[in-house]
Amino acid sequence: MSNEMNQIRQRYHQAQGALNVALEIFGDGLAKKHKWKDLDGLPAIHYYLMQKHHWTPSQLRDMSHDDLRFALHEELQGWTLPKGAL
């Protein structure tokens, strides 16, 4: 049982990691689309959500990756990872 549970845990965390990396890659795309200099990944996502919803940086830093994906639900519709990104 313990070995099986550890394999499940490992797959879960690998999947979470892949989702988090994909979110940061989405942030790279936002920065490129909006021509933001010196922003990429999560900072670009935070900046985008600050502009859109007027949330503060501290509010955004307190959000989990799952929360950020939820907040970006509309923007993520139809988005796919660029080929070779992972």
PDB file of N, CA and C in Angstrom:
ATOM      1  N   MET A   1       0.833  -1.211   0.000  1.00  0.00           N
ATOM      2  CA  MET A   1       0.000   0.000   0.000  1.00  0.00           C
ATOM      3  C   MET A   1       0.867   1.260   0.000  1.00  0.00           C
ATOM      4  N   SER A   2       1.910   1.286   0.784  1.00  0.00           N
ATOM      5  CA  SER A   2       2.744   2.468   0.896  1.00  0.00           C
ATOM      6  C   SER A   2       3.401   2.820  -0.443  1.00  0.00           C
ATOM      7  N   ASN A   3       3.937   1.828  -1.144  1.00  0.00           N
ATOM      8  CA  ASN A   3       4.581   2.074  -2.430  1.00  0.00           C
ATOM      9  C   ASN A   3       3.568   2.585  -3.452  1.00  0.00           C
ATOM     10  N   GLU A   4       2.379   2.015  -3.458  1.00  0.00           N
ATOM     11  CA  GLU A   4       1.331   2.459  -4.378  1.00  0.00           C
ATOM     12  C   GLU A   4       0.929   3.901  -4.080  1.00  0.00           C
ATOM     13  N   MET A   5       0.797   4.223  -2.808  1.00  0.00           N
ATOM     14  CA  MET A   5       0.433   5.589  -2.409  1.00  0.00           C
ATOM     15  C   MET A   5       1.527   6.570  -2.811  1.00  0.00           C
ATOM     16  N   ASN A   6       2.772   6.182  -2.649  1.00  0.00           N
ATOM     17  CA  ASN A   6       3.873   7.066  -3.035  1.00  0.00           C
ATOM     18  C   ASN A   6       3.888   7.300  -4.543  1.00  0.00           C
ATOM     19  N   GLN A   7       3.555   6.304  -5.330  1.00  0.00           N
ATOM     20  CA  GLN A   7       3.484   6.475  -6.782  1.00  0.00           C
ATOM     21  C   GLN A   7       2.345   7.418  -7.159  1.00  0.00           C
ATOM     22  N   ILE A   8       1.226   7.299  -6.476  1.00  0.00           N
ATOM     23  CA  ILE A   8       0.100   8.208  -6.713  1.00  0.00           C
ATOM     24  C   ILE A   8       0.503   9.638  -6.368  1.00  0.00           C
ATOM     25  N   ARG A   9       1.157   9.795  -5.231  1.00  0.00           N
ATOM     26  CA  ARG A   9       1.624  11.129  -4.825  1.00  0.00           C
ATOM     27  C   ARG A   9       2.583  11.705  -5.856  1.00  0.00           C
ATOM     28  N   GLN A  10       3.493  10.868  -6.323  1.00  0.00           N
ATOM     29  CA  GLN A  10       4.457  11.339  -7.301  1.00  0.00           C
ATOM     30  C   GLN A  10       3.774  11.781  -8.588  1.00  0.00           C
ATOM     31  N   ARG A  11       2.832  11.011  -9.087  1.00  0.00           N
ATOM     32  CA  ARG A  11       2.115  11.393 -10.305  1.00  0.00           C
ATOM     33  C   ARG A  11       1.316  12.679 -10.096  1.00  0.00           C
ATOM     34  N   TYR A  12       0.699  12.807  -8.936  1.00  0.00           N
ATOM     35  CA  TYR A  12      -0.063  14.018  -8.626  1.00  0.00           C
ATOM     36  C   TYR A  12       0.846  15.251  -8.667  1.00  0.00           C
ATOM     37  N   HIS A  13       1.986  15.173  -8.002  1.00  0.00           N
ATOM     38  CA  HIS A  13       2.879  16.335  -7.944  1.00  0.00           C
ATOM     39  C   HIS A  13       3.534  16.618  -9.285  1.00  0.00           C
ATOM     40  N   GLN A  14       3.781  15.591 -10.078  1.00  0.00           N
ATOM     41  CA  GLN A  14       4.295  15.824 -11.424  1.00  0.00           C
ATOM     42  C   GLN A  14       3.251  16.539 -12.277  1.00  0.00           C
ATOM     43  N   ALA A  15       2.005  16.141 -12.138  1.00  0.00           N
ATOM     44  CA  ALA A  15       0.923  16.796 -12.892  1.00  0.00           C
ATOM     45  C   ALA A  15       0.763  18.245 -12.445  1.00  0.00           C
ATOM     46  N   GLN A  16       0.816  18.486 -11.137  1.00  0.00           N
ATOM     47  CA  GLN A  16       0.716  19.861 -10.620  1.00  0.00           C
ATOM     48  C   GLN A  16       1.874  20.704 -11.144  1.00  0.00           C
ATOM     49  N   GLY A  17       3.069  20.122 -11.155  1.00  0.00           N
ATOM     50  CA  GLY A  17       4.236  20.842 -11.659  1.00  0.00           C
ATOM     51  C   GLY A  17       4.073  21.211 -13.124  1.00  0.00           C
ATOM     52  N   ALA A  18       3.561  20.276 -13.915  1.00  0.00           N
ATOM     53  CA  ALA A  18       3.345  20.551 -15.344  1.00  0.00           C
ATOM     54  C   ALA A  18       2.316  21.657 -15.533  1.00  0.00           C
ATOM     55  N   LEU A  19       1.256  21.652 -14.730  1.00  0.00           N
ATOM     56  CA  LEU A  19       0.253  22.717 -14.815  1.00  0.00           C
ATOM     57  C   LEU A  19       0.860  24.070 -14.446  1.00  0.00           C
ATOM     58  N   ASN A  20       1.713  24.076 -13.422  1.00  0.00           N
ATOM     59  CA  ASN A  20       2.336  25.328 -12.989  1.00  0.00           C
ATOM     60  C   ASN A  20       3.295  25.869 -14.045  1.00  0.00           C
ATOM     61  N   VAL A  21       4.059  24.980 -14.664  1.00  0.00           N
ATOM     62  CA  VAL A  21       4.963  25.413 -15.730  1.00  0.00           C
ATOM     63  C   VAL A  21       4.146  25.965 -16.902  1.00  0.00           C
ATOM     64  N   ALA A  22       3.064  25.290 -17.253  1.00  0.00           N
ATOM     65  CA  ALA A  22       2.208  25.763 -18.347  1.00  0.00           C
ATOM     66  C   ALA A  22       1.652  27.150 -18.038  1.00  0.00           C
ATOM     67  N   LEU A  23       1.284  27.391 -16.789  1.00  0.00           N
ATOM     68  CA  LEU A  23       0.776  28.708 -16.393  1.00  0.00           C
ATOM     69  C   LEU A  23       1.846  29.776 -16.609  1.00  0.00           C
ATOM     70  N   GLU A  24       3.070  29.477 -16.225  1.00  0.00           N
ATOM     71  CA  GLU A  24       4.153  30.446 -16.418  1.00  0.00           C
ATOM     72  C   GLU A  24       4.417  30.688 -17.897  1.00  0.00           C
ATOM     73  N   ILE A  25       4.319  29.649 -18.707  1.00  0.00           N
ATOM     74  CA  ILE A  25       4.487  29.810 -20.157  1.00  0.00           C
ATOM     75  C   ILE A  25       3.367  30.678 -20.713  1.00  0.00           C
ATOM     76  N   PHE A  26       2.147  30.529 -20.184  1.00  0.00           N
ATOM     77  CA  PHE A  26       1.048  31.404 -20.577  1.00  0.00           C
ATOM     78  C   PHE A  26       1.406  32.857 -20.244  1.00  0.00           C
ATOM     79  N   GLY A  27       2.006  33.063 -19.076  1.00  0.00           N
ATOM     80  CA  GLY A  27       2.444  34.412 -18.690  1.00  0.00           C
ATOM     81  C   GLY A  27       3.472  34.972 -19.651  1.00  0.00           C
ATOM     82  N   ASP A  28       4.373  34.112 -20.137  1.00  0.00           N
ATOM     83  CA  ASP A  28       5.337  34.556 -21.150  1.00  0.00           C
ATOM     84  C   ASP A  28       4.602  35.073 -22.387  1.00  0.00           C
ATOM     85  N   GLY A  29       3.546  34.348 -22.775  1.00  0.00           N
ATOM     86  CA  GLY A  29       2.761  34.764 -23.936  1.00  0.00           C
ATOM     87  C   GLY A  29       2.038  36.078 -23.717  1.00  0.00           C
ATOM     88  N   LEU A  30       1.525  36.282 -22.505  1.00  0.00           N
ATOM     89  CA  LEU A  30       0.876  37.563 -22.187  1.00  0.00           C
ATOM     90  C   LEU A  30       1.873  38.708 -22.329  1.00  0.00           C
ATOM     91  N   ALA A  31       3.072  38.509 -21.784  1.00  0.00           N
ATOM     92  CA  ALA A  31       4.091  39.563 -21.847  1.00  0.00           C
ATOM     93  C   ALA A  31       4.450  39.877 -23.297  1.00  0.00           C
ATOM     94  N   LYS A  32       4.585  38.851 -24.100  1.00  0.00           N
ATOM     95  CA  LYS A  32       4.915  39.060 -25.515  1.00  0.00           C
ATOM     96  C   LYS A  32       3.781  39.772 -26.239  1.00  0.00           C
ATOM     97  N   LYS A  33       2.548  39.324 -25.993  1.00  0.00           N
ATOM     98  CA  LYS A  33       1.375  39.917 -26.643  1.00  0.00           C
ATOM     99  C   LYS A  33       1.243  41.406 -26.320  1.00  0.00           C
ATOM    100  N   HIS A  34       1.494  41.751 -25.053  1.00  0.00           N
ATOM    101  CA  HIS A  34       1.325  43.143 -24.616  1.00  0.00           C
ATOM    102  C   HIS A  34       2.619  43.954 -24.704  1.00  0.00           C
ATOM    103  N   LYS A  35       3.688  43.302 -25.186  1.00  0.00           N
ATOM    104  CA  LYS A  35       4.984  43.966 -25.356  1.00  0.00           C
ATOM    105  C   LYS A  35       5.508  44.568 -24.053  1.00  0.00           C
ATOM    106  N   TRP A  36       5.356  43.783 -22.965  1.00  0.00           N
ATOM    107  CA  TRP A  36       5.876  44.223 -21.676  1.00  0.00           C
ATOM    108  C   TRP A  36       7.344  43.864 -21.585  1.00  0.00           C
ATOM    109  N   LYS A  37       8.134  44.840 -21.253  1.00  0.00           N
ATOM    110  CA  LYS A  37       9.567  44.604 -21.091  1.00  0.00           C
ATOM    111  C   LYS A  37       9.836  44.164 -19.659  1.00  0.00           C
ATOM    112  N   ASP A  38      10.773  43.268 -19.514  1.00  0.00           N
ATOM    113  CA  ASP A  38      11.219  42.794 -18.198  1.00  0.00           C
ATOM    114  C   ASP A  38      10.145  42.055 -17.407  1.00  0.00           C
ATOM    115  N   LEU A  39       9.114  41.558 -18.064  1.00  0.00           N
ATOM    116  CA  LEU A  39       8.092  40.749 -17.399  1.00  0.00           C
ATOM    117  C   LEU A  39       7.943  39.439 -18.151  1.00  0.00           C
ATOM    118  N   ASP A  40       7.797  38.379 -17.405  1.00  0.00           N
ATOM    119  CA  ASP A  40       7.482  37.080 -17.987  1.00  0.00           C
ATOM    120  C   ASP A  40       6.900  36.202 -16.881  1.00  0.00           C
ATOM    121  N   GLY A  41       6.413  35.043 -17.260  1.00  0.00           N
ATOM    122  CA  GLY A  41       5.926  34.076 -16.281  1.00  0.00           C
ATOM    123  C   GLY A  41       4.901  34.641 -15.314  1.00  0.00           C
ATOM    124  N   LEU A  42       5.077  34.296 -14.038  1.00  0.00           N
ATOM    125  CA  LEU A  42       4.117  34.744 -13.020  1.00  0.00           C
ATOM    126  C   LEU A  42       4.053  36.262 -12.856  1.00  0.00           C
ATOM    127  N   PRO A  43       5.179  36.977 -12.897  1.00  0.00           N
ATOM    128  CA  PRO A  43       5.057  38.433 -12.808  1.00  0.00           C
ATOM    129  C   PRO A  43       4.173  39.025 -13.911  1.00  0.00           C
ATOM    130  N   ALA A  44       4.240  38.477 -15.113  1.00  0.00           N
ATOM    131  CA  ALA A  44       3.383  38.963 -16.197  1.00  0.00           C
ATOM    132  C   ALA A  44       1.918  38.667 -15.900  1.00  0.00           C
ATOM    133  N   ILE A  45       1.647  37.502 -15.348  1.00  0.00           N
ATOM    134  CA  ILE A  45       0.271  37.162 -14.975  1.00  0.00           C
ATOM    135  C   ILE A  45      -0.220  38.103 -13.885  1.00  0.00           C
ATOM    136  N   HIS A  46       0.613  38.342 -12.887  1.00  0.00           N
ATOM    137  CA  HIS A  46       0.225  39.264 -11.816  1.00  0.00           C
ATOM    138  C   HIS A  46      -0.059  40.658 -12.372  1.00  0.00           C
ATOM    139  N   TYR A  47       0.821  41.133 -13.252  1.00  0.00           N
ATOM    140  CA  TYR A  47       0.628  42.457 -13.830  1.00  0.00           C
ATOM    141  C   TYR A  47      -0.669  42.524 -14.638  1.00  0.00           C
ATOM    142  N   TYR A  48      -0.919  41.488 -15.425  1.00  0.00           N
ATOM    143  CA  TYR A  48      -2.146  41.433 -16.217  1.00  0.00           C
ATOM    144  C   TYR A  48      -3.373  41.503 -15.317  1.00  0.00           C
ATOM    145  N   LEU A  49      -3.389  40.711 -14.254  1.00  0.00           N
ATOM    146  CA  LEU A  49      -4.545  40.693 -13.357  1.00  0.00           C
ATOM    147  C   LEU A  49      -4.665  41.980 -12.543  1.00  0.00           C
ATOM    148  N   MET A  50      -3.533  42.632 -12.261  1.00  0.00           N
ATOM    149  CA  MET A  50      -3.594  43.943 -11.606  1.00  0.00           C
ATOM    150  C   MET A  50      -4.297  44.940 -12.522  1.00  0.00           C
ATOM    151  N   GLN A  51      -3.938  44.916 -13.802  1.00  0.00           N
ATOM    152  CA  GLN A  51      -4.538  45.838 -14.759  1.00  0.00           C
ATOM    153  C   GLN A  51      -6.017  45.531 -14.976  1.00  0.00           C
ATOM    154  N   LYS A  52      -6.357  44.263 -15.043  1.00  0.00           N
ATOM    155  CA  LYS A  52      -7.729  43.869 -15.348  1.00  0.00           C
ATOM    156  C   LYS A  52      -8.676  44.035 -14.161  1.00  0.00           C
ATOM    157  N   HIS A  53      -8.231  43.610 -12.978  1.00  0.00           N
ATOM    158  CA  HIS A  53      -9.129  43.571 -11.824  1.00  0.00           C
ATOM    159  C   HIS A  53      -8.765  44.557 -10.713  1.00  0.00           C
ATOM    160  N   HIS A  54      -7.669  45.245 -10.887  1.00  0.00           N
ATOM    161  CA  HIS A  54      -7.195  46.208  -9.884  1.00  0.00           C
ATOM    162  C   HIS A  54      -6.871  45.530  -8.555  1.00  0.00           C
ATOM    163  N   TRP A  55      -6.424  44.294  -8.637  1.00  0.00           N
ATOM    164  CA  TRP A  55      -5.972  43.598  -7.436  1.00  0.00           C
ATOM    165  C   TRP A  55      -4.577  44.094  -7.099  1.00  0.00           C
ATOM    166  N   THR A  56      -4.235  44.039  -5.839  1.00  0.00           N
ATOM    167  CA  THR A  56      -2.918  44.501  -5.406  1.00  0.00           C
ATOM    168  C   THR A  56      -1.881  43.384  -5.584  1.00  0.00           C
ATOM    169  N   PRO A  57      -0.614  43.774  -5.654  1.00  0.00           N
ATOM    170  CA  PRO A  57       0.430  42.745  -5.750  1.00  0.00           C
ATOM    171  C   PRO A  57       0.368  41.746  -4.597  1.00  0.00           C
ATOM    172  N   SER A  58       0.104  42.223  -3.390  1.00  0.00           N
ATOM    173  CA  SER A  58       0.054  41.295  -2.257  1.00  0.00           C
ATOM    174  C   SER A  58      -1.124  40.324  -2.378  1.00  0.00           C
ATOM    175  N   GLN A  59      -2.255  40.784  -2.900  1.00  0.00           N
ATOM    176  CA  GLN A  59      -3.379  39.875  -3.119  1.00  0.00           C
ATOM    177  C   GLN A  59      -2.998  38.795  -4.125  1.00  0.00           C
ATOM    178  N   LEU A  60      -2.312  39.189  -5.170  1.00  0.00           N
ATOM    179  CA  LEU A  60      -1.924  38.239  -6.203  1.00  0.00           C
ATOM    180  C   LEU A  60      -0.852  37.273  -5.717  1.00  0.00           C
ATOM    181  N   ARG A  61       0.105  37.764  -4.936  1.00  0.00           N
ATOM    182  CA  ARG A  61       1.137  36.873  -4.397  1.00  0.00           C
ATOM    183  C   ARG A  61       0.545  35.829  -3.471  1.00  0.00           C
ATOM    184  N   ASP A  62      -0.563  36.163  -2.810  1.00  0.00           N
ATOM    185  CA  ASP A  62      -1.226  35.219  -1.901  1.00  0.00           C
ATOM    186  C   ASP A  62      -2.039  34.161  -2.638  1.00  0.00           C
ATOM    187  N   MET A  63      -2.252  34.345  -3.932  1.00  0.00           N
ATOM    188  CA  MET A  63      -3.057  33.396  -4.698  1.00  0.00           C
ATOM    189  C   MET A  63      -2.212  32.186  -5.091  1.00  0.00           C
ATOM    190  N   SER A  64      -2.818  31.028  -4.991  1.00  0.00           N
ATOM    191  CA  SER A  64      -2.144  29.803  -5.434  1.00  0.00           C
ATOM    192  C   SER A  64      -2.162  29.743  -6.962  1.00  0.00           C
ATOM    193  N   HIS A  65      -1.397  28.837  -7.513  1.00  0.00           N
ATOM    194  CA  HIS A  65      -1.425  28.628  -8.960  1.00  0.00           C
ATOM    195  C   HIS A  65      -2.829  28.216  -9.408  1.00  0.00           C
ATOM    196  N   ASP A  66      -3.501  27.396  -8.605  1.00  0.00           N
ATOM    197  CA  ASP A  66      -4.876  27.003  -8.935  1.00  0.00           C
ATOM    198  C   ASP A  66      -5.792  28.226  -8.976  1.00  0.00           C
ATOM    199  N   ASP A  67      -5.627  29.132  -8.009  1.00  0.00           N
ATOM    200  CA  ASP A  67      -6.432  30.361  -7.988  1.00  0.00           C
ATOM    201  C   ASP A  67      -6.158  31.215  -9.225  1.00  0.00           C
ATOM    202  N   LEU A  68      -4.888  31.314  -9.598  1.00  0.00           N
ATOM    203  CA  LEU A  68      -4.533  32.106 -10.774  1.00  0.00           C
ATOM    204  C   LEU A  68      -5.133  31.504 -12.039  1.00  0.00           C
ATOM    205  N   ARG A  69      -5.064  30.178 -12.160  1.00  0.00           N
ATOM    206  CA  ARG A  69      -5.684  29.531 -13.321  1.00  0.00           C
ATOM    207  C   ARG A  69      -7.181  29.809 -13.345  1.00  0.00           C
ATOM    208  N   PHE A  70      -7.822  29.776 -12.193  1.00  0.00           N
ATOM    209  CA  PHE A  70      -9.255  30.059 -12.121  1.00  0.00           C
ATOM    210  C   PHE A  70      -9.535  31.511 -12.537  1.00  0.00           C
ATOM    211  N   ALA A  71      -8.722  32.439 -12.064  1.00  0.00           N
ATOM    212  CA  ALA A  71      -8.907  33.856 -12.409  1.00  0.00           C
ATOM    213  C   ALA A  71      -8.695  34.105 -13.900  1.00  0.00           C
ATOM    214  N   LEU A  72      -7.910  33.260 -14.538  1.00  0.00           N
ATOM    215  CA  LEU A  72      -7.613  33.400 -15.967  1.00  0.00           C
ATOM    216  C   LEU A  72      -8.444  32.461 -16.830  1.00  0.00           C
ATOM    217  N   HIS A  73      -9.515  31.954 -16.280  1.00  0.00           N
ATOM    218  CA  HIS A  73     -10.330  30.946 -16.962  1.00  0.00           C
ATOM    219  C   HIS A  73     -10.663  31.348 -18.402  1.00  0.00           C
ATOM    220  N   GLU A  74     -11.181  32.532 -18.597  1.00  0.00           N
ATOM    221  CA  GLU A  74     -11.577  32.971 -19.938  1.00  0.00           C
ATOM    222  C   GLU A  74     -10.373  33.072 -20.865  1.00  0.00           C
ATOM    223  N   GLU A  75      -9.294  33.635 -20.367  1.00  0.00           N
ATOM    224  CA  GLU A  75      -8.113  33.825 -21.187  1.00  0.00           C
ATOM    225  C   GLU A  75      -7.477  32.489 -21.594  1.00  0.00           C
ATOM    226  N   LEU A  76      -7.625  31.495 -20.756  1.00  0.00           N
ATOM    227  CA  LEU A  76      -7.011  30.193 -21.031  1.00  0.00           C
ATOM    228  C   LEU A  76      -7.841  29.325 -21.977  1.00  0.00           C
ATOM    229  N   GLN A  77      -9.079  29.733 -22.259  1.00  0.00           N
ATOM    230  CA  GLN A  77      -9.927  28.947 -23.163  1.00  0.00           C
ATOM    231  C   GLN A  77      -9.314  28.925 -24.553  1.00  0.00           C
ATOM    232  N   GLY A  78      -9.072  27.740 -25.051  1.00  0.00           N
ATOM    233  CA  GLY A  78      -8.524  27.588 -26.387  1.00  0.00           C
ATOM    234  C   GLY A  78      -7.015  27.736 -26.478  1.00  0.00           C
ATOM    235  N   TRP A  79      -6.374  28.133 -25.375  1.00  0.00           N
ATOM    236  CA  TRP A  79      -4.917  28.279 -25.378  1.00  0.00           C
ATOM    237  C   TRP A  79      -4.267  26.915 -25.297  1.00  0.00           C
ATOM    238  N   THR A  80      -3.211  26.718 -26.040  1.00  0.00           N
ATOM    239  CA  THR A  80      -2.439  25.490 -25.963  1.00  0.00           C
ATOM    240  C   THR A  80      -0.971  25.835 -25.794  1.00  0.00           C
ATOM    241  N   LEU A  81      -0.261  24.917 -25.178  1.00  0.00           N
ATOM    242  CA  LEU A  81       1.180  25.109 -25.013  1.00  0.00           C
ATOM    243  C   LEU A  81       1.850  25.176 -26.386  1.00  0.00           C
ATOM    244  N   PRO A  82       2.804  26.054 -26.546  1.00  0.00           N
ATOM    245  CA  PRO A  82       3.571  26.054 -27.786  1.00  0.00           C
ATOM    246  C   PRO A  82       4.299  24.712 -27.945  1.00  0.00           C
ATOM    247  N   LYS A  83       4.461  24.275 -29.160  1.00  0.00           N
ATOM    248  CA  LYS A  83       5.157  23.006 -29.409  1.00  0.00           C
ATOM    249  C   LYS A  83       6.563  23.069 -28.841  1.00  0.00           C
ATOM    250  N   GLY A  84       6.930  21.990 -28.165  1.00  0.00           N
ATOM    251  CA  GLY A  84       8.265  21.889 -27.597  1.00  0.00           C
ATOM    252  C   GLY A  84       8.466  22.666 -26.310  1.00  0.00           C
ATOM    253  N   ALA A  85       7.403  23.219 -25.749  1.00  0.00           N
ATOM    254  CA  ALA A  85       7.530  24.025 -24.534  1.00  0.00           C
ATOM    255  C   ALA A  85       7.886  23.182 -23.317  1.00  0.00           C
ATOM    256  N   LEU A  86       7.446  21.945 -23.297  1.00  0.00           N
ATOM    257  CA  LEU A  86       7.762  21.059 -22.157  1.00  0.00           C
ATOM    258  C   LEU A  86       8.583  19.882 -22.600  1.00  0.00           C
TER     259      LEU A  86
END
